[in-house]
Amino acid sequence: MSVEGRVTGTGPVPATMAPMEVDLIFGGNCFGKFQLPQVKTRSGGSQIKIYDQTIKVLDMTAFTGFVESIIKDEALVLTLDNGQCSVTAFGMTGKCTYRKEIGLKGMNGLATRIVDVADDMVTFLVTNPSAMEIDHGIGIFEIQTQDGESIAQVRGPLEIIRGECKVAMSISGRGQRPAGEDSIMVGIGGETEAWTSETIKFVQTPLELTGEFLSFF
């Protein structure tokens, strides 16, 4: 995980905050630990960069709730808490407990549209306004009517990156031709037993069916 942020100082005197380990809290529950580097604070704020590190998930239920919020919500709050650190200023060092709420943009439902259909393959354009990225591996999705009736199943790699990306998936299990163009793309699962096979089920996004897609029926 890589993070860039900004820390605002509490006064005109520069201070040094020692490196520390903090809890990652979402929904009141800690799902992992995170290492913060040394930070020199200033009254105007200081830039902080946290480079790639592996985070061990301590509470899968809390982590899954965090991922669900990332996928579904427009915005969410992650709290860094219980950081036991020392702060040095004026040549003196004091102990403190670090806590900070961080506002994050979510994927806001993961807007998706069809941009191409050819040879039993459909290409989607996926828009992710969040700074977060998730690689779901090979995902299985069902395209459904508004009433939940299956139109078709699609399968393929879903790596959600920042901004826009194109995802190509194979079409299978076609049902009856739908009466209209409005549908819902619903995550069913993945090809592996990884945690992403569960979180992919949070993808439930409106999808407008194109004439090319409907020509398969």
C-alpha atoms as a PDB file:
ATOM      1  CA  MET A   1       0.000   0.000   0.000  1.00  0.00           C
ATOM      2  CA  SER A   2       1.246   3.506  -0.839  1.00  0.00           C
ATOM      3  CA  VAL A   3      -0.270   6.650   0.641  1.00  0.00           C
ATOM      4  CA  GLU A   4       0.355  10.366   0.315  1.00  0.00           C
ATOM      5  CA  GLY A   5      -1.133  12.808   2.774  1.00  0.00           C
ATOM      6  CA  ARG A   6      -0.654  16.034   4.669  1.00  0.00           C
ATOM      7  CA  VAL A   7      -0.130  16.604   8.383  1.00  0.00           C
ATOM      8  CA  THR A   8      -0.960  20.012   9.872  1.00  0.00           C
ATOM      9  CA  GLY A   9       1.136  21.309  12.730  1.00  0.00           C
ATOM     10  CA  THR A  10      -0.379  22.751  15.907  1.00  0.00           C
ATOM     11  CA  GLY A  11       1.801  25.828  16.188  1.00  0.00           C
ATOM     12  CA  PRO A  12       4.575  27.946  14.624  1.00  0.00           C
ATOM     13  CA  VAL A  13       7.382  25.826  16.107  1.00  0.00           C
ATOM     14  CA  PRO A  14       8.565  22.857  14.005  1.00  0.00           C
ATOM     15  CA  ALA A  15       8.336  19.502  15.753  1.00  0.00           C
ATOM     16  CA  THR A  16       9.479  15.997  14.912  1.00  0.00           C
ATOM     17  CA  MET A  17       7.087  13.100  15.321  1.00  0.00           C
ATOM     18  CA  ALA A  18       8.861   9.746  15.632  1.00  0.00           C
ATOM     19  CA  PRO A  19       7.928   6.714  13.483  1.00  0.00           C
ATOM     20  CA  MET A  20       5.107   4.619  14.900  1.00  0.00           C
ATOM     21  CA  GLU A  21       2.670   1.796  14.283  1.00  0.00           C
ATOM     22  CA  VAL A  22      -1.023   2.740  14.137  1.00  0.00           C
ATOM     23  CA  ASP A  23      -4.276   0.807  14.060  1.00  0.00           C
ATOM     24  CA  LEU A  24      -6.396   0.934  10.902  1.00  0.00           C
ATOM     25  CA  ILE A  25      -9.949   1.468  12.140  1.00  0.00           C
ATOM     26  CA  PHE A  26     -13.162   1.276  10.133  1.00  0.00           C
ATOM     27  CA  GLY A  27     -16.651   1.109  11.572  1.00  0.00           C
ATOM     28  CA  GLY A  28     -15.175   1.159  15.063  1.00  0.00           C
ATOM     29  CA  ASN A  29     -13.115  -2.004  14.460  1.00  0.00           C
ATOM     30  CA  CYS A  30      -9.384  -2.469  13.841  1.00  0.00           C
ATOM     31  CA  PHE A  31      -8.649  -4.537  10.733  1.00  0.00           C
ATOM     32  CA  GLY A  32      -4.867  -4.077  10.528  1.00  0.00           C
ATOM     33  CA  LYS A  33      -1.691  -2.247  11.529  1.00  0.00           C
ATOM     34  CA  PHE A  34       0.153   0.401   9.532  1.00  0.00           C
ATOM     35  CA  GLN A  35       3.634   1.943   9.839  1.00  0.00           C
ATOM     36  CA  LEU A  36       3.938   5.725   9.766  1.00  0.00           C
ATOM     37  CA  PRO A  37       7.381   7.248   9.084  1.00  0.00           C
ATOM     38  CA  GLN A  38       9.036  10.107  10.945  1.00  0.00           C
ATOM     39  CA  VAL A  39       7.284  13.408  10.247  1.00  0.00           C
ATOM     40  CA  LYS A  40       8.509  16.967  10.749  1.00  0.00           C
ATOM     41  CA  THR A  41       5.456  19.135  11.343  1.00  0.00           C
ATOM     42  CA  ARG A  42       5.140  22.822  10.516  1.00  0.00           C
ATOM     43  CA  SER A  43       2.369  25.356  11.044  1.00  0.00           C
ATOM     44  CA  GLY A  44       1.555  25.372   7.330  1.00  0.00           C
ATOM     45  CA  GLY A  45       1.423  21.588   7.154  1.00  0.00           C
ATOM     46  CA  SER A  46       3.907  18.915   6.106  1.00  0.00           C
ATOM     47  CA  GLN A  47       3.775  16.451   3.255  1.00  0.00           C
ATOM     48  CA  ILE A  48       3.901  12.802   4.273  1.00  0.00           C
ATOM     49  CA  LYS A  49       4.609   9.872   1.954  1.00  0.00           C
ATOM     50  CA  ILE A  50       4.119   6.283   3.052  1.00  0.00           C
ATOM     51  CA  TYR A  51       5.637   3.770   0.700  1.00  0.00           C
ATOM     52  CA  ASP A  52       4.533   0.226  -0.142  1.00  0.00           C
ATOM     53  CA  GLN A  53       4.078  -2.089   2.791  1.00  0.00           C
ATOM     54  CA  THR A  54       2.237  -5.335   3.406  1.00  0.00           C
ATOM     55  CA  ILE A  55      -0.638  -5.089   5.866  1.00  0.00           C
ATOM     56  CA  LYS A  56      -1.676  -8.196   7.774  1.00  0.00           C
ATOM     57  CA  VAL A  57      -5.460  -8.330   8.115  1.00  0.00           C
ATOM     58  CA  LEU A  58      -6.361  -8.911  11.762  1.00  0.00           C
ATOM     59  CA  ASP A  59     -10.165  -8.818  11.435  1.00  0.00           C
ATOM     60  CA  MET A  60     -11.517 -10.051   8.097  1.00  0.00           C
ATOM     61  CA  THR A  61     -15.074  -8.940   8.884  1.00  0.00           C
ATOM     62  CA  ALA A  62     -13.946  -5.361   9.562  1.00  0.00           C
ATOM     63  CA  PHE A  63     -11.696  -5.403   6.470  1.00  0.00           C
ATOM     64  CA  THR A  64     -14.517  -6.706   4.281  1.00  0.00           C
ATOM     65  CA  GLY A  65     -16.756  -3.895   5.559  1.00  0.00           C
ATOM     66  CA  PHE A  66     -14.036  -1.399   4.619  1.00  0.00           C
ATOM     67  CA  VAL A  67     -13.783  -2.808   1.086  1.00  0.00           C
ATOM     68  CA  GLU A  68     -17.579  -2.806   0.736  1.00  0.00           C
ATOM     69  CA  SER A  69     -17.664   0.890   1.613  1.00  0.00           C
ATOM     70  CA  ILE A  70     -14.845   1.617  -0.856  1.00  0.00           C
ATOM     71  CA  ILE A  71     -16.794  -0.035  -3.689  1.00  0.00           C
ATOM     72  CA  LYS A  72     -20.295   1.226  -2.879  1.00  0.00           C
ATOM     73  CA  ASP A  73     -19.923   4.635  -1.248  1.00  0.00           C
ATOM     74  CA  GLU A  74     -19.032   8.056  -2.594  1.00  0.00           C
ATOM     75  CA  ALA A  75     -16.960   8.847   0.509  1.00  0.00           C
ATOM     76  CA  LEU A  76     -15.804   7.076   3.672  1.00  0.00           C
ATOM     77  CA  VAL A  77     -13.613   7.684   6.724  1.00  0.00           C
ATOM     78  CA  LEU A  78     -10.598   5.604   7.767  1.00  0.00           C
ATOM     79  CA  THR A  79      -9.181   6.269  11.234  1.00  0.00           C
ATOM     80  CA  LEU A  80      -5.524   5.905  12.207  1.00  0.00           C
ATOM     81  CA  ASP A  81      -5.508   5.313  15.958  1.00  0.00           C
ATOM     82  CA  ASN A  82      -3.544   4.176  19.012  1.00  0.00           C
ATOM     83  CA  GLY A  83      -0.213   5.344  17.642  1.00  0.00           C
ATOM     84  CA  GLN A  84       2.223   5.507  20.574  1.00  0.00           C
ATOM     85  CA  CYS A  85       4.850   8.025  19.566  1.00  0.00           C
ATOM     86  CA  SER A  86       7.195  10.701  20.810  1.00  0.00           C
ATOM     87  CA  VAL A  87       7.217  14.338  19.681  1.00  0.00           C
ATOM     88  CA  THR A  88      10.353  16.479  19.913  1.00  0.00           C
ATOM     89  CA  ALA A  89      10.315  20.296  19.985  1.00  0.00           C
ATOM     90  CA  PHE A  90      12.524  22.918  21.693  1.00  0.00           C
ATOM     91  CA  GLY A  91      14.956  20.091  22.397  1.00  0.00           C
ATOM     92  CA  MET A  92      12.374  18.398  24.620  1.00  0.00           C
ATOM     93  CA  THR A  93      10.600  15.100  23.960  1.00  0.00           C
ATOM     94  CA  GLY A  94       7.114  14.136  25.058  1.00  0.00           C
ATOM     95  CA  LYS A  95       4.965  11.055  24.626  1.00  0.00           C
ATOM     96  CA  CYS A  96       1.569  11.126  22.910  1.00  0.00           C
ATOM     97  CA  THR A  97      -1.114   8.918  21.393  1.00  0.00           C
ATOM     98  CA  TYR A  98      -1.693   9.634  17.709  1.00  0.00           C
ATOM     99  CA  ARG A  99      -5.199   9.601  16.220  1.00  0.00           C
ATOM    100  CA  LYS A 100      -6.344  10.981  12.875  1.00  0.00           C
ATOM    101  CA  GLU A 101      -9.454  10.579  10.733  1.00  0.00           C
ATOM    102  CA  ILE A 102      -8.772  10.396   6.999  1.00  0.00           C
ATOM    103  CA  GLY A 103     -11.536  11.140   4.496  1.00  0.00           C
ATOM    104  CA  LEU A 104     -11.366   8.951   1.395  1.00  0.00           C
ATOM    105  CA  LYS A 105     -13.206   8.990  -1.899  1.00  0.00           C
ATOM    106  CA  GLY A 106     -15.040   5.757  -2.629  1.00  0.00           C
ATOM    107  CA  MET A 107     -15.683   4.120  -5.995  1.00  0.00           C
ATOM    108  CA  ASN A 108     -19.313   5.263  -5.784  1.00  0.00           C
ATOM    109  CA  GLY A 109     -20.819   2.081  -7.206  1.00  0.00           C
ATOM    110  CA  LEU A 110     -18.138   1.566  -9.867  1.00  0.00           C
ATOM    111  CA  ALA A 111     -19.851   3.107 -12.905  1.00  0.00           C
ATOM    112  CA  THR A 112     -19.632   0.715 -15.875  1.00  0.00           C
ATOM    113  CA  ARG A 113     -20.679   0.906 -19.521  1.00  0.00           C
ATOM    114  CA  ILE A 114     -20.362  -1.316 -22.579  1.00  0.00           C
ATOM    115  CA  VAL A 115     -17.973   0.033 -25.223  1.00  0.00           C
ATOM    116  CA  ASP A 116     -17.519  -2.954 -27.555  1.00  0.00           C
ATOM    117  CA  VAL A 117     -18.959  -6.403 -28.293  1.00  0.00           C
ATOM    118  CA  ALA A 118     -17.282  -8.903 -30.641  1.00  0.00           C
ATOM    119  CA  ASP A 119     -16.779 -12.684 -30.900  1.00  0.00           C
ATOM    120  CA  ASP A 120     -18.599 -13.535 -27.654  1.00  0.00           C
ATOM    121  CA  MET A 121     -16.521 -10.924 -25.814  1.00  0.00           C
ATOM    122  CA  VAL A 122     -17.820  -7.735 -24.256  1.00  0.00           C
ATOM    123  CA  THR A 123     -15.560  -4.822 -23.307  1.00  0.00           C
ATOM    124  CA  PHE A 124     -16.580  -2.570 -20.434  1.00  0.00           C
ATOM    125  CA  LEU A 125     -15.294   0.874 -19.512  1.00  0.00           C
ATOM    126  CA  VAL A 126     -15.018   1.032 -15.711  1.00  0.00           C
ATOM    127  CA  THR A 127     -14.714   4.381 -13.909  1.00  0.00           C
ATOM    128  CA  ASN A 128     -13.104   4.555 -10.473  1.00  0.00           C
ATOM    129  CA  PRO A 129     -12.987   8.076  -8.929  1.00  0.00           C
ATOM    130  CA  SER A 130     -11.264   6.709  -5.806  1.00  0.00           C
ATOM    131  CA  ALA A 131      -7.533   6.645  -5.090  1.00  0.00           C
ATOM    132  CA  MET A 132      -7.952   3.002  -4.034  1.00  0.00           C
ATOM    133  CA  GLU A 133      -7.312   0.066  -6.365  1.00  0.00           C
ATOM    134  CA  ILE A 134      -8.425  -3.581  -6.124  1.00  0.00           C
ATOM    135  CA  ASP A 135      -7.296  -6.553  -8.228  1.00  0.00           C
ATOM    136  CA  HIS A 136     -10.131  -9.094  -8.116  1.00  0.00           C
ATOM    137  CA  GLY A 137      -8.469 -11.578 -10.447  1.00  0.00           C
ATOM    138  CA  ILE A 138     -10.899 -13.546 -12.629  1.00  0.00           C
ATOM    139  CA  GLY A 139     -14.394 -12.429 -11.713  1.00  0.00           C
ATOM    140  CA  ILE A 140     -17.800 -13.862 -12.575  1.00  0.00           C
ATOM    141  CA  PHE A 141     -20.720 -11.478 -13.085  1.00  0.00           C
ATOM    142  CA  GLU A 142     -24.358 -11.798 -13.959  1.00  0.00           C
ATOM    143  CA  ILE A 143     -26.208  -9.221 -16.021  1.00  0.00           C
ATOM    144  CA  GLN A 144     -29.751  -9.056 -14.709  1.00  0.00           C
ATOM    145  CA  THR A 145     -33.002  -7.268 -15.456  1.00  0.00           C
ATOM    146  CA  GLN A 146     -34.312  -4.800 -12.898  1.00  0.00           C
ATOM    147  CA  ASP A 147     -36.455  -7.681 -11.569  1.00  0.00           C
ATOM    148  CA  GLY A 148     -33.423  -9.897 -10.989  1.00  0.00           C
ATOM    149  CA  GLU A 149     -33.906 -12.178 -14.010  1.00  0.00           C
ATOM    150  CA  SER A 150     -30.639 -13.379 -15.529  1.00  0.00           C
ATOM    151  CA  ILE A 151     -29.821 -12.014 -18.988  1.00  0.00           C
ATOM    152  CA  ALA A 152     -26.280 -13.356 -19.351  1.00  0.00           C
ATOM    153  CA  GLN A 153     -23.160 -14.257 -17.429  1.00  0.00           C
ATOM    154  CA  VAL A 154     -19.762 -12.694 -18.121  1.00  0.00           C
ATOM    155  CA  ARG A 155     -16.359 -13.784 -16.899  1.00  0.00           C
ATOM    156  CA  GLY A 156     -12.925 -12.168 -16.988  1.00  0.00           C
ATOM    157  CA  PRO A 157     -10.196 -10.281 -15.124  1.00  0.00           C
ATOM    158  CA  LEU A 158     -11.286  -7.294 -13.062  1.00  0.00           C
ATOM    159  CA  GLU A 159      -8.415  -5.113 -11.905  1.00  0.00           C
ATOM    160  CA  ILE A 160      -9.947  -1.861 -10.697  1.00  0.00           C
ATOM    161  CA  ILE A 161      -7.354   0.878 -11.161  1.00  0.00           C
ATOM    162  CA  ARG A 162      -7.635   4.609 -10.563  1.00  0.00           C
ATOM    163  CA  GLY A 163      -9.466   6.569 -13.226  1.00  0.00           C
ATOM    164  CA  GLU A 164     -10.847   4.720 -16.251  1.00  0.00           C
ATOM    165  CA  CYS A 165      -9.916   1.279 -17.516  1.00  0.00           C
ATOM    166  CA  LYS A 166     -11.239  -1.172 -20.109  1.00  0.00           C
ATOM    167  CA  VAL A 167     -12.092  -4.722 -19.061  1.00  0.00           C
ATOM    168  CA  ALA A 168     -12.773  -7.510 -21.580  1.00  0.00           C
ATOM    169  CA  MET A 169     -14.943 -10.470 -20.500  1.00  0.00           C
ATOM    170  CA  SER A 170     -16.390 -13.518 -22.238  1.00  0.00           C
ATOM    171  CA  ILE A 171     -20.177 -13.905 -22.536  1.00  0.00           C
ATOM    172  CA  SER A 172     -21.861 -17.159 -21.556  1.00  0.00           C
ATOM    173  CA  GLY A 173     -25.134 -18.503 -20.204  1.00  0.00           C
ATOM    174  CA  ARG A 174     -27.363 -16.210 -22.239  1.00  0.00           C
ATOM    175  CA  GLY A 175     -31.027 -16.136 -21.246  1.00  0.00           C
ATOM    176  CA  GLN A 176     -34.002 -14.514 -22.910  1.00  0.00           C
ATOM    177  CA  ARG A 177     -33.573 -11.250 -24.804  1.00  0.00           C
ATOM    178  CA  PRO A 178     -34.550  -8.472 -22.379  1.00  0.00           C
ATOM    179  CA  ALA A 179     -37.457  -6.190 -23.209  1.00  0.00           C
ATOM    180  CA  GLY A 180     -35.506  -3.003 -22.453  1.00  0.00           C
ATOM    181  CA  GLU A 181     -31.984  -1.632 -22.310  1.00  0.00           C
ATOM    182  CA  ASP A 182     -31.719  -1.131 -18.533  1.00  0.00           C
ATOM    183  CA  SER A 183     -29.982  -3.833 -16.512  1.00  0.00           C
ATOM    184  CA  ILE A 184     -27.796  -4.411 -13.470  1.00  0.00           C
ATOM    185  CA  MET A 185     -24.324  -5.968 -13.454  1.00  0.00           C
ATOM    186  CA  VAL A 186     -23.956  -8.071 -10.300  1.00  0.00           C
ATOM    187  CA  GLY A 187     -20.797  -9.715  -8.963  1.00  0.00           C
ATOM    188  CA  ILE A 188     -21.271 -13.465  -8.362  1.00  0.00           C
ATOM    189  CA  GLY A 189     -17.798 -14.549  -7.232  1.00  0.00           C
ATOM    190  CA  GLY A 190     -14.300 -15.386  -8.390  1.00  0.00           C
ATOM    191  CA  GLU A 191     -12.389 -18.403  -9.669  1.00  0.00           C
ATOM    192  CA  THR A 192     -10.291 -18.672  -6.495  1.00  0.00           C
ATOM    193  CA  GLU A 193     -11.091 -18.851  -2.780  1.00  0.00           C
ATOM    194  CA  ALA A 194      -9.383 -15.514  -2.087  1.00  0.00           C
ATOM    195  CA  TRP A 195     -11.159 -12.760  -0.126  1.00  0.00           C
ATOM    196  CA  THR A 196     -11.815 -10.996  -3.424  1.00  0.00           C
ATOM    197  CA  SER A 197     -14.301 -13.737  -4.348  1.00  0.00           C
ATOM    198  CA  GLU A 198     -16.516 -12.324  -1.609  1.00  0.00           C
ATOM    199  CA  THR A 199     -15.863  -8.614  -2.088  1.00  0.00           C
ATOM    200  CA  ILE A 200     -16.588  -8.849  -5.823  1.00  0.00           C
ATOM    201  CA  LYS A 201     -20.214  -9.478  -4.793  1.00  0.00           C
ATOM    202  CA  PHE A 202     -20.391  -5.842  -3.665  1.00  0.00           C
ATOM    203  CA  VAL A 203     -20.302  -4.792  -7.325  1.00  0.00           C
ATOM    204  CA  GLN A 204     -23.931  -4.094  -8.272  1.00  0.00           C
ATOM    205  CA  THR A 205     -23.909  -1.360 -10.869  1.00  0.00           C
ATOM    206  CA  PRO A 206     -26.539  -0.142 -13.382  1.00  0.00           C
ATOM    207  CA  LEU A 207     -25.674  -1.090 -16.967  1.00  0.00           C
ATOM    208  CA  GLU A 208     -27.216   0.146 -20.203  1.00  0.00           C
ATOM    209  CA  LEU A 209     -27.338  -2.599 -22.826  1.00  0.00           C
ATOM    210  CA  THR A 210     -26.195  -1.554 -26.297  1.00  0.00           C
ATOM    211  CA  GLY A 211     -27.636  -2.731 -29.615  1.00  0.00           C
ATOM    212  CA  GLU A 212     -24.464  -4.751 -30.229  1.00  0.00           C
ATOM    213  CA  PHE A 213     -24.908  -6.594 -26.951  1.00  0.00           C
ATOM    214  CA  LEU A 214     -28.598  -7.274 -27.586  1.00  0.00           C
ATOM    215  CA  SER A 215     -27.713  -8.723 -30.996  1.00  0.00           C
ATOM    216  CA  PHE A 216     -26.382 -11.819 -29.197  1.00  0.00           C
ATOM    217  CA  PHE A 217     -29.971 -12.813 -28.280  1.00  0.00           C
END
